[in-house]
Protein backbone atom coordinates (compact mmCIF):
# COMPACT_ATOMS: atom_id res chain seq x y z
CA MET A 1 16.02 -9.41 -38.63
CA SER A 2 13.20 -10.48 -40.54
CA LYS A 3 9.39 -9.90 -39.65
CA MET A 4 8.72 -13.41 -38.61
CA ASN A 5 11.94 -13.14 -36.61
CA ASP A 6 10.45 -9.90 -35.10
CA ALA A 7 7.30 -11.44 -34.15
CA LEU A 8 8.51 -14.55 -32.79
CA GLN A 9 10.88 -12.39 -30.43
CA GLU A 10 7.55 -10.56 -29.48
CA LEU A 11 5.62 -13.68 -28.89
CA ILE A 12 8.56 -15.10 -26.60
CA ASP A 13 8.80 -11.48 -24.76
CA ALA A 14 4.93 -11.55 -24.07
CA LEU A 15 5.15 -15.02 -22.62
CA ALA A 16 8.26 -14.22 -20.66
CA ARG A 17 6.54 -11.81 -18.89
CA LEU A 18 4.08 -14.34 -17.46
CA PRO A 19 4.79 -15.43 -13.53
CA GLY A 20 6.94 -18.41 -13.39
CA ILE A 21 7.86 -18.53 -17.13
CA GLY A 22 11.47 -18.01 -17.71
CA ARG A 23 12.64 -17.42 -21.32
CA LYS A 24 13.29 -21.19 -21.85
CA SER A 25 10.03 -21.95 -21.12
CA ALA A 26 8.66 -18.79 -22.79
CA THR A 27 10.65 -20.21 -25.94
CA ARG A 28 9.32 -23.66 -25.80
CA LEU A 29 5.75 -22.21 -25.60
CA ALA A 30 6.18 -19.96 -28.38
CA PHE A 31 7.45 -22.74 -30.48
CA HIS A 32 4.62 -25.14 -29.47
CA ILE A 33 2.11 -22.41 -30.15
CA LEU A 34 3.65 -21.94 -33.91
CA ASP A 35 3.85 -25.61 -34.26
CA ALA A 36 0.12 -26.08 -33.21
CA PRO A 37 -2.61 -26.34 -35.93
CA ALA A 38 -3.94 -22.67 -36.69
CA ALA A 39 -7.27 -23.71 -35.21
CA GLU A 40 -5.42 -24.68 -31.77
CA ALA A 41 -3.59 -21.23 -31.88
CA GLU A 42 -6.64 -19.40 -32.47
CA ALA A 43 -8.69 -21.39 -29.51
CA LEU A 44 -6.18 -20.06 -27.06
CA ALA A 45 -6.12 -16.53 -28.45
CA ARG A 46 -10.02 -16.47 -28.24
CA SER A 47 -9.97 -18.18 -24.81
CA ILE A 48 -7.92 -15.45 -23.24
CA ARG A 49 -9.81 -12.72 -25.05
CA VAL A 50 -13.06 -13.82 -23.63
CA ALA A 51 -11.82 -14.39 -20.31
CA LYS A 52 -10.26 -10.64 -20.09
CA ARG A 53 -13.40 -9.49 -21.34
CA THR A 54 -16.20 -11.29 -19.42
CA ILE A 55 -14.20 -12.36 -16.00
CA GLY A 56 -14.46 -9.86 -13.25
CA HIS A 57 -14.45 -9.71 -9.29
CA CYS A 58 -17.27 -10.76 -7.36
CA PRO A 59 -18.46 -7.32 -5.72
CA ARG A 60 -19.04 -9.14 -2.37
CA CYS A 61 -16.08 -11.45 -1.87
CA GLY A 62 -13.52 -10.41 -4.41
CA ASN A 63 -13.44 -14.02 -5.84
CA LEU A 64 -13.55 -14.27 -10.06
CA THR A 65 -16.84 -14.41 -11.60
CA ASP A 66 -18.27 -13.89 -15.04
CA SER A 67 -21.79 -13.18 -13.79
CA ASP A 68 -23.26 -10.76 -10.84
CA LEU A 69 -22.06 -12.86 -7.82
CA CYS A 70 -19.26 -15.75 -7.79
CA ARG A 71 -20.82 -19.44 -7.43
CA ILE A 72 -19.77 -19.53 -3.98
CA CYS A 73 -21.54 -16.25 -2.84
CA ALA A 74 -24.73 -17.33 -5.04
CA ASN A 75 -24.85 -20.75 -3.77
CA PRO A 76 -27.72 -21.11 -1.02
CA ASP A 77 -26.38 -24.16 0.51
CA ARG A 78 -22.95 -22.35 1.58
CA ALA A 79 -22.91 -21.71 5.43
CA THR A 80 -23.35 -17.93 5.55
CA GLY A 81 -22.31 -17.26 9.23
CA GLU A 82 -18.72 -18.67 8.35
CA LEU A 83 -16.17 -16.35 6.48
CA CYS A 84 -12.71 -17.37 5.38
CA VAL A 85 -10.55 -14.45 5.01
CA VAL A 86 -7.76 -15.26 1.96
CA GLU A 87 -5.22 -12.89 0.19
CA GLU A 88 -5.61 -14.05 -3.00
CA VAL A 89 -8.38 -15.55 -5.35
CA ARG A 90 -6.10 -18.50 -5.83
CA ASP A 91 -6.06 -19.54 -2.21
CA ILE A 92 -9.91 -20.22 -2.56
CA ALA A 93 -9.07 -22.81 -5.25
CA ALA A 94 -6.67 -24.63 -2.88
CA ILE A 95 -9.22 -24.62 0.09
CA GLU A 96 -11.78 -25.71 -2.09
CA ARG A 97 -10.16 -28.68 -3.28
CA THR A 98 -10.10 -30.23 0.28
CA GLY A 99 -13.77 -29.76 0.38
CA ALA A 100 -13.66 -29.36 4.25
CA PHE A 101 -14.68 -25.58 4.37
CA LYS A 102 -18.48 -25.16 3.25
CA GLY A 103 -18.81 -21.39 4.11
CA ARG A 104 -17.91 -18.37 2.07
CA TYR A 105 -14.71 -16.32 1.42
CA HIS A 106 -13.63 -12.86 1.42
CA VAL A 107 -10.28 -11.79 -0.59
CA LEU A 108 -8.30 -9.26 0.65
CA GLY A 109 -6.52 -8.40 -2.55
CA GLY A 110 -2.87 -9.11 -1.11
CA ARG A 111 -1.08 -8.61 2.49
CA LEU A 112 0.38 -6.02 4.39
CA SER A 113 3.72 -5.29 3.15
CA PRO A 114 5.21 -1.92 4.18
CA MET A 115 8.48 -2.66 2.39
CA ASP A 116 6.28 -2.97 -1.00
CA GLY A 117 4.21 0.19 0.00
CA ILE A 118 1.21 -1.83 0.60
CA GLY A 119 -0.78 -0.81 3.71
CA PRO A 120 -4.43 -1.51 4.91
CA GLU A 121 -5.81 0.92 2.30
CA ASP A 122 -4.70 -1.24 -0.20
CA LEU A 123 -6.41 -4.26 0.88
CA ARG A 124 -10.16 -4.78 1.12
CA VAL A 125 -10.47 -4.48 4.83
CA ASP A 126 -13.42 -1.75 4.89
CA GLU A 127 -15.41 -4.33 2.83
CA LEU A 128 -14.42 -7.25 5.26
CA LYS A 129 -15.37 -5.49 8.46
CA ALA A 130 -18.85 -4.31 6.64
CA ARG A 131 -19.63 -8.01 5.70
CA VAL A 132 -19.12 -9.11 9.39
CA GLN A 133 -21.70 -6.67 10.48
CA ASP A 134 -24.16 -6.52 7.56
CA GLU A 135 -24.06 -10.36 6.98
CA ALA A 136 -24.43 -11.51 10.51
CA ILE A 137 -21.06 -13.38 10.29
CA GLN A 138 -20.47 -15.49 13.50
CA GLU A 139 -16.86 -16.81 12.81
CA VAL A 140 -14.01 -15.26 10.77
CA ILE A 141 -11.41 -17.53 10.03
CA LEU A 142 -8.24 -15.85 9.23
CA ALA A 143 -6.20 -17.94 6.28
CA THR A 144 -3.44 -15.75 5.61
CA ASN A 145 -0.14 -17.17 4.25
CA PRO A 146 2.45 -18.27 6.97
CA SER A 147 4.86 -15.81 5.87
CA VAL A 148 6.21 -12.42 8.13
CA GLU A 149 3.68 -10.64 5.72
CA GLY A 150 0.74 -12.99 6.04
CA GLU A 151 1.10 -12.91 10.07
CA THR A 152 1.15 -9.10 10.21
CA THR A 153 -2.06 -9.17 8.06
CA ALA A 154 -3.65 -11.61 10.56
CA LEU A 155 -2.74 -9.75 13.51
CA PHE A 156 -3.89 -6.45 12.15
CA LEU A 157 -7.11 -8.08 11.07
CA ILE A 158 -7.70 -9.34 14.55
CA ASP A 159 -7.10 -5.72 16.08
CA GLU A 160 -9.76 -4.42 13.51
CA LEU A 161 -12.19 -7.09 13.58
CA ARG A 162 -12.27 -7.76 17.73
CA PRO A 163 -14.57 -4.84 18.44
CA LEU A 164 -17.16 -6.42 16.18
CA GLY A 165 -17.74 -9.11 18.51
CA VAL A 166 -17.36 -11.83 15.87
CA ARG A 167 -15.56 -15.42 16.80
CA LEU A 168 -12.09 -15.19 15.44
CA THR A 169 -10.05 -18.22 14.32
CA ARG A 170 -6.55 -18.91 12.54
CA ILE A 171 -6.02 -21.73 10.51
CA ALA A 172 -3.93 -24.35 12.13
CA ARG A 173 -0.12 -24.74 11.10
CA GLY A 174 1.86 -27.71 11.55
CA LEU A 175 4.24 -30.15 9.66
CA PRO A 176 3.06 -31.37 6.04
CA ILE A 177 1.84 -35.12 5.75
CA GLY A 178 5.24 -37.03 4.78
CA GLY A 179 7.35 -33.87 6.35
CA ASP A 180 10.21 -34.83 8.32
CA ILE A 181 10.63 -33.00 11.80
CA LYS A 182 14.30 -32.79 11.52
CA PHE A 183 13.96 -30.51 8.51
CA ALA A 184 11.16 -27.96 9.69
CA ASP A 185 11.95 -24.72 10.36
CA ASP A 186 10.98 -23.12 13.93
CA MET A 187 7.93 -21.25 13.01
CA THR A 188 6.38 -24.46 11.69
CA LEU A 189 7.55 -26.84 14.60
CA ALA A 190 6.15 -23.97 17.32
CA ARG A 191 3.13 -23.78 15.42
CA ALA A 192 2.71 -27.53 15.23
CA LEU A 193 2.96 -27.70 19.06
CA SER A 194 0.78 -24.86 20.08
CA GLY A 195 -1.96 -26.08 17.38
CA ARG A 196 -2.07 -29.72 18.56
CA VAL A 197 -5.24 -31.54 19.49
CA ASP A 198 -6.61 -34.26 21.79
CA VAL A 199 -6.24 -37.73 20.31
């Protein structure tokens, strides 16, 4: 096999290791990169290098940042008494897109999963408890995912935070807009019924 083929295979293998990218997509991306102008390919490589070198985690909330604090923690206009707890950084982006939450966040860095060997010591739980006490947090909104692991994590956090005297809330679960009741699973329907509001 020629050096070019070895290099192409290495590129495909590297792209295929990205989440959500299969071999076909990796091959398509590799050929796109090779067909692109050299400046475009170099710009992509440079962006990756700069991002890896300059972006880290906010020491306060765990969000991604390229400065001392992330933009949300550094924003004085954010409500300081409300703390929304999420599993991963990407969950912040999803909530921010709604424009419905004006408080601050705390990223756990995952969720409890004994099957995968992830326990409380692997999550940023101690940091969360410290923030609740040090930052005069009035409400903690648990926004973990509606999975077995997410529910387990939320229940664990409730037990850990309740003694601190902070108000604990859980994001509502229900049917998606455009959803069909007959196709909803039992847990979603149960959550939708228990989370109903007055009209």
